[in-house]
Amino acid sequence: MKYLFDASSIFEIIKAGNLKSLVDGYTTDLARFELGNVIWKEVNLTKRISFSEGERMIALIIDALGLMGVMETLDLKEILLFATKHKLTYYDASYAYASIKNKLVLVTEDNELRKNSSGFTKVVSAKDIGVD
């Protein structure tokens, strides 16, 4: 089974130290920016980690994305149509659309995305594929 990971699952997998789970998986180019924003929030807003820890996390993200296929050419108009038709955010629609279009199982920790996408594609969490 092939998987499309959203940013929330990639981050959980990185925190669990289980990067091998991402090998042969896919994500969209949106994930790199969402993951960067998570680190930015941890450093600047919540101050849970230092800047140098943030840099280490960014390096892990780069490593993680290097293990995956990153889809950069999605049809932006089709995603808008899909998002509008199914009342999804554009971000969520991009993951659901990529999952459907490429016949991949969507892996997400986002309950809203899971709920709103389960009617269109198979959706699981990282724990469902053996990530603890």
Protein backbone atom coordinates (compact mmCIF):
# COMPACT_ATOMS: atom_id res chain seq x y z
CA MET A 1 0.00 0.00 0.00
CA LYS A 2 1.30 3.46 -0.90
CA TYR A 3 0.73 6.48 1.32
CA LEU A 4 0.37 10.24 0.95
CA PHE A 5 1.39 11.93 4.20
CA ASP A 6 0.15 15.34 5.22
CA ALA A 7 2.30 17.68 7.33
CA SER A 8 0.69 16.63 10.62
CA SER A 9 1.65 12.98 10.09
CA ILE A 10 5.14 13.80 8.88
CA PHE A 11 5.71 15.88 12.01
CA GLU A 12 4.44 13.09 14.30
CA ILE A 13 6.66 10.57 12.53
CA ILE A 14 9.69 12.85 12.90
CA LYS A 15 8.93 13.33 16.61
CA ALA A 16 8.63 9.54 17.00
CA GLY A 17 12.04 9.15 15.32
CA ASN A 18 10.59 6.73 12.78
CA LEU A 19 11.67 8.27 9.47
CA LYS A 20 11.78 4.84 7.81
CA SER A 21 7.96 4.96 7.79
CA LEU A 22 8.19 7.71 5.19
CA VAL A 23 10.34 5.77 2.72
CA ASP A 24 8.46 5.31 -0.56
CA GLY A 25 5.69 7.58 0.72
CA TYR A 26 4.51 10.80 -0.87
CA THR A 27 3.48 14.29 0.13
CA THR A 28 2.69 17.56 -1.59
CA ASP A 29 4.95 20.58 -1.84
CA LEU A 30 2.60 22.31 0.61
CA ALA A 31 3.93 20.07 3.41
CA ARG A 32 7.38 21.65 3.43
CA PHE A 33 5.86 25.06 4.20
CA GLU A 34 3.39 23.73 6.75
CA LEU A 35 6.20 21.90 8.53
CA GLY A 36 8.37 25.00 8.48
CA ASN A 37 5.50 26.94 10.01
CA VAL A 38 5.14 24.37 12.82
CA ILE A 39 8.80 24.88 13.70
CA TRP A 40 8.45 28.66 13.45
CA LYS A 41 5.54 28.52 15.93
CA GLU A 42 7.51 26.29 18.32
CA VAL A 43 10.45 28.74 18.26
CA ASN A 44 8.67 32.09 18.12
CA LEU A 45 5.18 31.78 19.57
CA THR A 46 5.18 28.98 22.13
CA LYS A 47 8.95 29.19 22.74
CA ARG A 48 8.97 25.44 23.46
CA ILE A 49 12.21 25.04 21.55
CA SER A 50 15.24 27.23 20.98
CA PHE A 51 16.26 28.58 17.60
CA SER A 52 19.09 26.01 17.39
CA GLU A 53 16.62 23.22 18.18
CA GLY A 54 14.41 24.64 15.45
CA GLU A 55 17.31 24.46 13.03
CA ARG A 56 17.85 20.80 13.98
CA MET A 57 14.15 20.11 13.39
CA ILE A 58 14.33 21.79 9.98
CA ALA A 59 17.28 19.52 9.12
CA LEU A 60 15.18 16.49 10.12
CA ILE A 61 12.33 17.76 7.96
CA ILE A 62 14.69 18.09 5.00
CA ASP A 63 15.92 14.53 5.62
CA ALA A 64 12.35 13.24 5.93
CA LEU A 65 11.21 14.92 2.72
CA GLY A 66 14.28 13.51 0.98
CA LEU A 67 12.95 10.02 1.67
CA MET A 68 9.64 10.80 0.01
CA GLY A 69 8.25 11.71 -3.35
CA VAL A 70 7.20 15.37 -3.16
CA MET A 71 4.45 16.20 -5.65
CA GLU A 72 4.94 19.66 -7.05
CA THR A 73 2.66 19.70 -10.04
CA LEU A 74 -0.90 19.48 -8.84
CA ASP A 75 -3.69 21.09 -10.80
CA LEU A 76 -4.44 24.21 -8.75
CA LYS A 77 -7.74 24.88 -10.55
CA GLU A 78 -8.93 21.32 -9.98
CA ILE A 79 -8.09 21.63 -6.29
CA LEU A 80 -10.12 24.84 -6.09
CA LEU A 81 -13.05 23.09 -7.74
CA PHE A 82 -12.69 20.09 -5.40
CA ALA A 83 -12.41 22.33 -2.31
CA THR A 84 -15.45 24.38 -3.32
CA LYS A 85 -17.57 21.38 -4.24
CA HIS A 86 -16.80 19.51 -1.00
CA LYS A 87 -16.55 22.53 1.34
CA LEU A 88 -12.94 21.81 2.29
CA THR A 89 -10.16 24.29 2.93
CA TYR A 90 -7.81 24.60 0.00
CA TYR A 91 -5.01 23.07 2.11
CA ASP A 92 -7.10 20.03 3.05
CA ALA A 93 -8.42 19.69 -0.47
CA SER A 94 -4.88 19.61 -1.85
CA TYR A 95 -4.04 16.53 0.24
CA ALA A 96 -7.36 14.80 -0.46
CA TYR A 97 -7.12 15.57 -4.19
CA ALA A 98 -3.53 14.31 -4.41
CA SER A 99 -4.52 11.15 -2.58
CA ILE A 100 -7.43 10.47 -4.91
CA LYS A 101 -5.62 11.45 -8.10
CA ASN A 102 -2.64 9.23 -7.32
CA LYS A 103 -4.58 6.36 -5.69
CA LEU A 104 -2.77 6.75 -2.38
CA VAL A 105 -3.96 6.27 1.20
CA LEU A 106 -4.03 9.61 3.00
CA VAL A 107 -2.17 9.63 6.33
CA THR A 108 -3.12 12.48 8.65
CA GLU A 109 -3.33 13.31 12.34
CA ASP A 110 -5.78 16.12 11.56
CA ASN A 111 -9.21 14.97 12.73
CA GLU A 112 -11.01 17.53 10.58
CA LEU A 113 -9.16 16.45 7.44
CA ARG A 114 -9.77 12.79 8.30
CA LYS A 115 -13.49 13.38 8.80
CA ASN A 116 -13.92 15.53 5.70
CA SER A 117 -11.88 13.29 3.38
CA SER A 118 -12.97 9.82 4.42
CA GLY A 119 -15.86 9.86 1.93
CA PHE A 120 -13.46 10.34 -1.00
CA THR A 121 -10.34 8.38 -0.14
CA LYS A 122 -9.03 5.95 2.42
CA VAL A 123 -7.70 7.90 5.42
CA VAL A 124 -5.58 6.58 8.29
CA SER A 125 -3.35 7.96 11.04
CA ALA A 126 0.35 7.30 11.55
CA LYS A 127 -0.55 4.90 14.36
CA ASP A 128 -2.69 2.91 11.93
CA ILE A 129 0.41 2.18 9.85
CA GLY A 130 2.52 1.18 12.85
CA VAL A 131 4.13 4.44 13.92
CA ASP A 132 4.25 4.85 17.70
